[in-house]
């Protein structure tokens, strides 16, 4: 029987796709596990090491089972999983609800139960489940329910990361299907416009996250700087700062997509920031909401945290420096109440004092400001 407390906060870890795509192998995956530990990321909660597409042979074996590519994984997947587990981490893999994966490898369509048993026998803890090559006559909701049942009866606790890109009004049914996280958007690329558009597209869906099932707005590109499969454009440090703050505020799973072996100090410090991670991993997992919106490019988000705290995120989505206003009335703090917010900068830990009624942050293009606040008179 599956652990009913699985994924009660957004899963955290690393996925191979954004940087390495088909160029994956046993040494790279074990190296990623080593890097999670050596960098201190494991100590901050990043625990899943996930292999994405392109890990198998193009044909199943005579018993209808998936076969790891022996050139990429000469010791087999069980050995890789054992190595990841020896580091105190968890191991993830990839499949697809269609006949083939997005890169043309065997999918799990009508092999759901045997594949779930295979993954369990290898020691898999997490399955990213994609949506390519799905037969047109098949209901996607049924296929995700099918794999969910298979995983729940495979004899091992396995997180189901559903990846149907937001199709079929997925937010309305995916929690009932048994998934622990679900993609609600198309694929990210390493550019400001990509992650900004993804975040803005999910404002109406922020409430569709709760303990046990989180809205996944895709793997982070923090630290890629234009390198890898989804690179080419690249982001600045300011862009990455805003991307990570948005993902934390939105309760999205924090799955890193860069090369962990060469992440610079700025990006490592950013994704290890305990205050930002605390916003993402808050035990109540309450969704963020829009506190003040000035057009579509100057937005303040708020999120109620445990311990009677409130997270506030100012974002300048525009291409020029501007003021981003915040009206305290919009989160329920009226001027007549006499209360304000004692605000601590989530990036630096500096307390800027108690603010009341109204404030405005002047931010450079693409920049943000994030605070953890307590109600004070």
Protein backbone atom coordinates (compact mmCIF):
# COMPACT_ATOMS: atom_id res chain seq x y z
CA UNK A 1 0.00 0.00 0.00
CA UNK A 2 1.35 3.41 -0.97
CA UNK A 3 2.44 5.92 1.67
CA UNK A 4 -0.48 8.33 2.05
CA UNK A 5 1.93 11.08 3.06
CA UNK A 6 3.94 10.96 -0.18
CA UNK A 7 4.76 14.42 -1.65
CA UNK A 8 3.01 16.48 0.99
CA UNK A 9 5.21 19.41 -0.04
CA UNK A 10 6.49 20.10 -3.58
CA UNK A 11 9.16 17.56 -4.63
CA UNK A 12 12.70 18.90 -5.03
CA UNK A 13 15.56 17.51 -7.08
CA UNK A 14 17.24 17.42 -10.50
CA UNK A 15 16.14 16.25 -13.96
CA UNK A 16 18.47 15.46 -16.87
CA UNK A 17 16.41 16.81 -19.78
CA UNK A 18 17.01 20.56 -19.90
CA UNK A 19 20.76 20.19 -20.26
CA UNK A 20 21.55 16.68 -21.48
CA UNK A 21 18.51 15.32 -23.42
CA UNK A 22 19.66 12.08 -25.11
CA UNK A 23 23.29 12.46 -23.96
CA UNK A 24 22.71 10.66 -20.68
CA UNK A 25 24.60 7.78 -19.18
CA UNK A 26 25.38 6.03 -15.93
CA UNK A 27 28.38 8.21 -15.07
CA UNK A 28 26.46 11.45 -15.65
CA UNK A 29 23.56 10.39 -13.43
CA UNK A 30 25.83 9.19 -10.64
CA UNK A 31 27.79 12.43 -11.05
CA UNK A 32 24.61 14.42 -10.58
CA UNK A 33 23.97 12.54 -7.33
CA UNK A 34 27.52 13.31 -6.21
CA UNK A 35 27.04 17.00 -7.07
CA UNK A 36 23.77 17.25 -5.14
CA UNK A 37 25.61 16.06 -2.05
CA UNK A 38 28.90 17.95 -2.51
CA UNK A 39 27.18 21.27 -3.26
CA UNK A 40 24.97 21.13 -0.16
CA UNK A 41 21.80 20.93 -2.23
CA UNK A 42 20.82 17.63 -0.64
CA UNK A 43 20.98 19.27 2.80
CA UNK A 44 18.49 21.92 1.59
CA UNK A 45 15.93 19.31 0.51
CA UNK A 46 16.84 18.46 -3.09
CA UNK A 47 16.50 14.69 -3.04
CA UNK A 48 15.36 13.31 -6.43
CA UNK A 49 17.80 12.44 -9.23
CA UNK A 50 15.63 11.92 -12.30
CA UNK A 51 16.57 10.43 -15.68
CA UNK A 52 14.35 11.80 -18.44
CA UNK A 53 13.77 10.36 -21.95
CA UNK A 54 16.25 8.33 -24.10
CA UNK A 55 17.43 5.84 -21.48
CA UNK A 56 16.11 2.59 -23.05
CA UNK A 57 16.57 0.49 -26.13
CA UNK A 58 14.12 1.07 -28.98
CA UNK A 59 12.51 -2.35 -28.47
CA UNK A 60 11.18 -4.23 -25.45
CA UNK A 61 12.61 -7.66 -24.63
CA UNK A 62 10.96 -11.02 -25.37
CA UNK A 63 8.95 -10.71 -22.16
CA UNK A 64 7.59 -7.30 -23.08
CA UNK A 65 9.77 -5.44 -20.57
CA UNK A 66 11.69 -2.20 -21.04
CA UNK A 67 15.46 -2.59 -21.44
CA UNK A 68 18.01 0.05 -20.41
CA UNK A 69 20.47 0.91 -23.19
CA UNK A 70 23.54 -1.21 -22.28
CA UNK A 71 25.95 1.34 -23.78
CA UNK A 72 24.54 4.16 -21.65
CA UNK A 73 23.82 2.07 -18.55
CA UNK A 74 26.18 -0.93 -18.66
CA UNK A 75 25.45 -1.98 -15.08
CA UNK A 76 21.68 -1.63 -15.43
CA UNK A 77 19.19 0.65 -13.71
CA UNK A 78 19.16 -1.22 -10.42
CA UNK A 79 22.85 -0.44 -9.98
CA UNK A 80 22.27 3.25 -10.73
CA UNK A 81 19.35 3.36 -8.30
CA UNK A 82 21.46 1.66 -5.64
CA UNK A 83 24.20 4.26 -6.10
CA UNK A 84 21.73 7.14 -5.82
CA UNK A 85 20.19 5.56 -2.72
CA UNK A 86 23.65 5.07 -1.18
CA UNK A 87 23.95 8.86 -1.20
CA UNK A 88 20.75 9.23 0.79
CA UNK A 89 18.89 10.42 -2.33
CA UNK A 90 15.91 9.13 -4.33
CA UNK A 91 15.91 7.87 -7.92
CA UNK A 92 13.53 8.89 -10.71
CA UNK A 93 12.86 7.73 -14.26
CA UNK A 94 10.71 8.59 -17.26
CA UNK A 95 8.05 7.00 -19.41
CA UNK A 96 5.05 8.07 -21.46
CA UNK A 97 1.33 7.28 -21.61
CA UNK A 98 1.51 6.78 -25.40
CA UNK A 99 2.91 4.03 -27.58
CA UNK A 100 6.27 5.84 -27.69
CA UNK A 101 8.06 8.47 -25.66
CA UNK A 102 8.55 11.95 -27.11
CA UNK A 103 11.97 10.91 -28.44
CA UNK A 104 10.62 7.71 -30.01
CA UNK A 105 11.46 5.08 -27.39
CA UNK A 106 8.90 2.53 -26.13
CA UNK A 107 6.07 4.11 -24.14
CA UNK A 108 3.95 2.47 -21.46
CA UNK A 109 0.62 2.36 -23.35
CA UNK A 110 -1.03 -0.96 -22.42
CA UNK A 111 2.15 -1.94 -20.53
CA UNK A 112 1.38 0.14 -17.45
CA UNK A 113 1.31 -2.63 -14.86
CA UNK A 114 4.37 -4.52 -16.11
CA UNK A 115 6.31 -1.24 -16.38
CA UNK A 116 5.32 -0.24 -12.86
CA UNK A 117 6.54 -3.62 -11.60
CA UNK A 118 9.79 -3.15 -13.54
CA UNK A 119 10.37 0.32 -12.12
CA UNK A 120 9.69 -0.95 -8.61
CA UNK A 121 12.15 -3.84 -9.06
CA UNK A 122 14.85 -1.32 -10.06
CA UNK A 123 14.24 0.83 -6.98
CA UNK A 124 12.55 3.78 -8.68
CA UNK A 125 11.05 6.43 -6.37
CA UNK A 126 9.66 8.90 -8.94
CA UNK A 127 8.18 8.56 -12.43
CA UNK A 128 7.83 11.43 -14.88
CA UNK A 129 4.99 10.37 -17.18
CA UNK A 130 4.76 12.20 -20.51
CA UNK A 131 1.97 12.56 -23.08
CA UNK A 132 3.43 11.88 -26.56
CA UNK A 133 2.09 9.41 -29.17
CA UNK A 134 -1.17 8.89 -27.29
CA UNK A 135 -3.69 7.09 -29.53
CA UNK A 136 -6.39 9.59 -30.50
CA UNK A 137 -9.23 7.33 -29.41
CA UNK A 138 -7.87 7.05 -25.86
CA UNK A 139 -8.92 9.36 -23.07
CA UNK A 140 -5.80 10.90 -21.50
CA UNK A 141 -7.46 11.03 -18.10
CA UNK A 142 -7.99 7.27 -18.19
CA UNK A 143 -4.36 6.63 -19.16
CA UNK A 144 -3.03 8.65 -16.23
CA UNK A 145 -5.43 6.87 -13.89
CA UNK A 146 -4.20 3.58 -15.32
CA UNK A 147 -0.55 4.29 -14.50
CA UNK A 148 -1.49 5.71 -11.12
CA UNK A 149 -3.21 2.46 -10.20
CA UNK A 150 -0.28 0.46 -11.52
CA UNK A 151 2.17 2.42 -9.38
CA UNK A 152 -0.05 2.16 -6.31
CA UNK A 153 -0.03 -1.61 -6.65
CA UNK A 154 3.62 -2.18 -7.58
CA UNK A 155 4.81 -2.68 -4.00
CA UNK A 156 6.88 0.53 -3.80
CA UNK A 157 6.18 4.19 -3.04
CA UNK A 158 6.65 6.04 -6.36
CA UNK A 159 5.82 9.70 -6.94
CA UNK A 160 3.77 10.14 -10.13
CA UNK A 161 4.81 13.27 -12.02
CA UNK A 162 2.14 13.66 -14.71
CA UNK A 163 3.31 15.62 -17.74
CA UNK A 164 0.44 16.29 -20.15
CA UNK A 165 1.39 19.97 -20.69
CA UNK A 166 -1.89 21.34 -19.33
CA UNK A 167 -4.10 19.55 -21.87
CA UNK A 168 -7.58 18.15 -21.26
CA UNK A 169 -8.28 20.62 -18.41
CA UNK A 170 -5.85 18.54 -16.37
CA UNK A 171 -6.07 20.67 -13.22
CA UNK A 172 -9.72 19.66 -12.82
CA UNK A 173 -9.10 15.91 -12.53
CA UNK A 174 -5.43 15.10 -11.97
CA UNK A 175 -5.58 15.12 -8.18
CA UNK A 176 -8.40 12.58 -8.25
CA UNK A 177 -6.35 10.47 -10.67
CA UNK A 178 -3.67 9.99 -8.01
CA UNK A 179 -0.78 12.07 -9.40
CA UNK A 180 1.49 13.88 -6.96
CA UNK A 181 2.44 16.68 -9.36
CA UNK A 182 1.31 17.64 -12.85
CA UNK A 183 2.60 19.79 -15.66
CA UNK A 184 0.23 22.59 -16.51
CA UNK A 185 2.20 24.26 -19.32
CA UNK A 186 4.21 23.63 -22.45
CA UNK A 187 7.97 23.15 -22.26
CA UNK A 188 10.16 25.87 -20.77
CA UNK A 189 13.21 27.30 -22.50
CA UNK A 190 16.08 29.24 -21.01
CA UNK A 191 14.79 32.77 -21.58
CA UNK A 192 13.01 35.37 -19.49
CA UNK A 193 10.02 35.50 -21.81
CA UNK A 194 9.50 31.74 -21.57
CA UNK A 195 9.37 31.48 -17.79
CA UNK A 196 7.51 34.78 -17.42
CA UNK A 197 4.79 33.66 -19.85
CA UNK A 198 4.54 30.32 -18.03
CA UNK A 199 4.10 32.06 -14.67
CA UNK A 200 1.54 34.55 -16.00
CA UNK A 201 -0.43 31.74 -17.67
CA UNK A 202 -0.91 30.03 -14.30
CA UNK A 203 -2.38 32.88 -12.28
CA UNK A 204 -5.91 31.48 -12.67
CA UNK A 205 -4.65 28.00 -11.72
CA UNK A 206 -2.76 28.88 -8.54
CA UNK A 207 -5.48 27.35 -6.38
CA UNK A 208 -5.03 23.95 -8.06
CA UNK A 209 -2.18 22.90 -5.76
CA UNK A 210 -2.45 21.23 -2.39
CA UNK A 211 -0.52 18.74 -0.25
CA UNK A 212 -0.12 15.55 -2.25
CA UNK A 213 -0.65 17.10 -5.70
CA UNK A 214 1.21 20.18 -6.97
CA UNK A 215 0.97 22.27 -10.12
CA UNK A 216 4.32 21.76 -11.87
CA UNK A 217 5.34 24.73 -14.05
CA UNK A 218 8.34 22.79 -15.46
CA UNK A 219 11.97 22.25 -14.58
CA UNK A 220 13.99 25.28 -13.55
CA UNK A 221 16.58 26.67 -15.96
CA UNK A 222 18.52 28.48 -13.21
CA UNK A 223 22.26 28.31 -13.96
CA UNK A 224 22.02 27.25 -17.60
CA UNK A 225 23.04 30.59 -19.18
CA UNK A 226 22.06 29.40 -22.66
CA UNK A 227 23.76 26.02 -22.44
CA UNK A 228 22.02 22.70 -23.03
CA UNK A 229 18.95 21.45 -24.84
CA UNK A 230 16.60 24.30 -23.91
CA UNK A 231 19.29 27.00 -23.97
CA UNK A 232 20.32 29.23 -26.90
CA UNK A 233 18.92 32.46 -25.46
CA UNK A 234 19.94 32.25 -21.83
CA UNK A 235 19.02 34.34 -18.83
CA UNK A 236 20.75 36.89 -16.61
CA UNK A 237 21.30 36.54 -12.87
CA UNK A 238 18.35 38.90 -12.33
CA UNK A 239 16.16 36.66 -14.49
CA UNK A 240 17.14 33.56 -12.53
CA UNK A 241 16.47 35.37 -9.26
CA UNK A 242 12.92 36.13 -10.41
CA UNK A 243 12.35 32.66 -11.86
CA UNK A 244 13.28 30.92 -8.62
CA UNK A 245 11.21 33.28 -6.49
CA UNK A 246 8.15 32.70 -8.71
CA UNK A 247 8.56 28.90 -8.56
CA UNK A 248 8.83 29.08 -4.76
CA UNK A 249 5.83 31.37 -4.45
CA UNK A 250 3.70 29.22 -6.79
CA UNK A 251 4.38 26.00 -4.80
CA UNK A 252 5.85 24.43 -7.93
CA UNK A 253 8.11 21.40 -7.58
CA UNK A 254 11.73 22.61 -7.58
CA UNK A 255 13.40 20.37 -10.16
CA UNK A 256 16.74 21.81 -11.24
CA UNK A 257 17.62 21.41 -14.92
CA UNK A 258 21.15 22.80 -15.18
CA UNK A 259 24.49 21.00 -14.97
CA UNK A 260 25.01 20.69 -11.22
CA UNK A 261 28.72 20.05 -11.68
CA UNK A 262 29.38 23.60 -12.88
CA UNK A 263 26.68 25.76 -11.28
CA UNK A 264 28.21 29.08 -10.21
CA UNK A 265 28.12 30.47 -6.69
CA UNK A 266 25.34 32.97 -7.42
CA UNK A 267 22.95 30.28 -8.66
CA UNK A 268 23.92 27.80 -5.96
CA UNK A 269 23.31 30.39 -3.25
CA UNK A 270 20.00 31.29 -4.88
CA UNK A 271 18.56 27.77 -5.06
CA UNK A 272 19.88 26.99 -1.55
CA UNK A 273 18.26 30.07 -0.01
CA UNK A 274 16.48 28.71 3.06
CA UNK A 275 13.93 31.53 3.25
CA UNK A 276 12.80 31.05 -0.35
CA UNK A 277 12.73 27.26 0.03
CA UNK A 278 10.71 27.71 3.21
CA UNK A 279 8.07 29.61 1.17
CA UNK A 280 7.92 26.72 -1.29
CA UNK A 281 7.98 23.98 1.33
CA UNK A 282 5.64 25.56 3.88
CA UNK A 283 3.74 22.79 5.63
CA UNK A 284 0.32 24.32 4.89
CA UNK A 285 1.06 24.58 1.14
CA UNK A 286 -1.52 27.32 0.68
CA UNK A 287 -1.64 28.75 -2.85
CA UNK A 288 -0.39 32.21 -3.72
CA UNK A 289 -2.81 34.87 -4.96
CA UNK A 290 -2.54 38.21 -6.75
CA UNK A 291 -2.41 40.98 -4.15
CA UNK A 292 -2.03 43.93 -6.54
CA UNK A 293 -1.89 43.98 -10.33
CA UNK A 294 -0.89 47.02 -12.38
CA UNK A 295 -1.47 46.08 -16.00
CA UNK A 296 0.01 42.68 -16.80
CA UNK A 297 3.62 43.45 -16.06
CA UNK A 298 3.70 44.77 -12.49
CA UNK A 299 2.27 42.23 -10.07
CA UNK A 300 2.45 41.58 -6.34
CA UNK A 301 1.72 38.04 -5.14
CA UNK A 302 0.91 37.06 -1.56
CA UNK A 303 0.95 33.68 0.13
CA UNK A 304 -0.18 32.78 3.64
CA UNK A 305 2.42 30.73 5.51
CA UNK A 306 2.31 28.73 8.72
CA UNK A 307 3.28 30.50 11.97
CA UNK A 308 0.97 33.36 10.97
CA UNK A 309 3.44 34.69 8.41
CA UNK A 310 2.81 36.04 4.91
CA UNK A 311 5.12 35.92 1.89
CA UNK A 312 4.96 38.91 -0.47
CA UNK A 313 6.57 38.88 -3.93
CA UNK A 314 6.87 42.01 -6.11
CA UNK A 315 7.64 41.27 -9.79
CA UNK A 316 8.47 43.67 -12.60
CA UNK A 317 7.70 41.65 -15.73
CA UNK A 318 8.33 44.71 -17.93
CA UNK A 319 11.36 45.65 -20.02
CA UNK A 320 12.18 48.84 -18.11
CA UNK A 321 12.69 50.01 -14.55
CA UNK A 322 9.43 50.93 -12.83
CA UNK A 323 7.56 51.07 -9.55
CA UNK A 324 5.52 48.05 -8.49
CA UNK A 325 2.76 49.14 -6.08
CA UNK A 326 1.21 47.10 -3.29
CA UNK A 327 -2.03 47.97 -1.49
CA UNK A 328 -2.21 46.30 1.92
CA UNK A 329 -5.99 46.48 1.80
CA UNK A 330 -5.92 43.82 -0.91
CA UNK A 331 -4.67 41.16 1.52
CA UNK A 332 -7.06 42.17 4.28
CA UNK A 333 -5.00 44.73 6.22
CA UNK A 334 -7.06 47.90 6.35
CA UNK A 335 -5.70 51.27 7.45
CA UNK A 336 -8.33 51.34 10.21
CA UNK A 337 -6.97 48.13 11.71
CA UNK A 338 -3.78 49.85 12.78
CA UNK A 339 -1.77 46.84 11.63
CA UNK A 340 1.08 46.68 9.17
CA UNK A 341 3.68 44.14 8.09
CA UNK A 342 7.12 43.64 9.58
CA UNK A 343 9.03 42.72 6.43
CA UNK A 344 12.16 40.58 6.16
CA UNK A 345 13.91 40.40 2.79
CA UNK A 346 13.81 36.76 1.70
CA UNK A 347 16.97 37.15 -0.37
CA UNK A 348 19.17 38.83 2.23
CA UNK A 349 17.52 38.21 5.59
CA UNK A 350 17.45 41.96 6.33
CA UNK A 351 14.42 43.31 8.23
CA UNK A 352 13.26 46.58 6.66
CA UNK A 353 10.84 47.42 9.47
CA UNK A 354 7.05 47.72 9.65
CA UNK A 355 5.23 49.03 6.58
CA UNK A 356 1.56 50.09 6.50
CA UNK A 357 -1.24 50.78 4.03
CA UNK A 358 0.81 51.09 0.85
CA UNK A 359 4.31 50.58 -0.45
CA UNK A 360 6.02 50.64 -3.83
CA UNK A 361 9.18 48.81 -4.86
CA UNK A 362 11.21 50.38 -7.67
CA UNK A 363 12.62 47.46 -9.59
CA UNK A 364 14.83 47.07 -12.63
CA UNK A 365 13.44 45.24 -15.67
CA UNK A 366 12.71 41.56 -14.90
CA UNK A 367 13.63 42.03 -11.23
CA UNK A 368 11.71 41.07 -8.11
CA UNK A 369 11.65 41.66 -4.36
CA UNK A 370 10.45 39.03 -1.90
CA UNK A 371 9.62 39.36 1.79
CA UNK A 372 8.52 37.12 4.64
CA UNK A 373 6.22 39.20 6.84
CA UNK A 374 4.56 39.20 10.24
CA UNK A 375 1.51 41.22 11.23
CA UNK A 376 2.47 44.06 13.58
CA UNK A 377 0.86 47.19 15.05
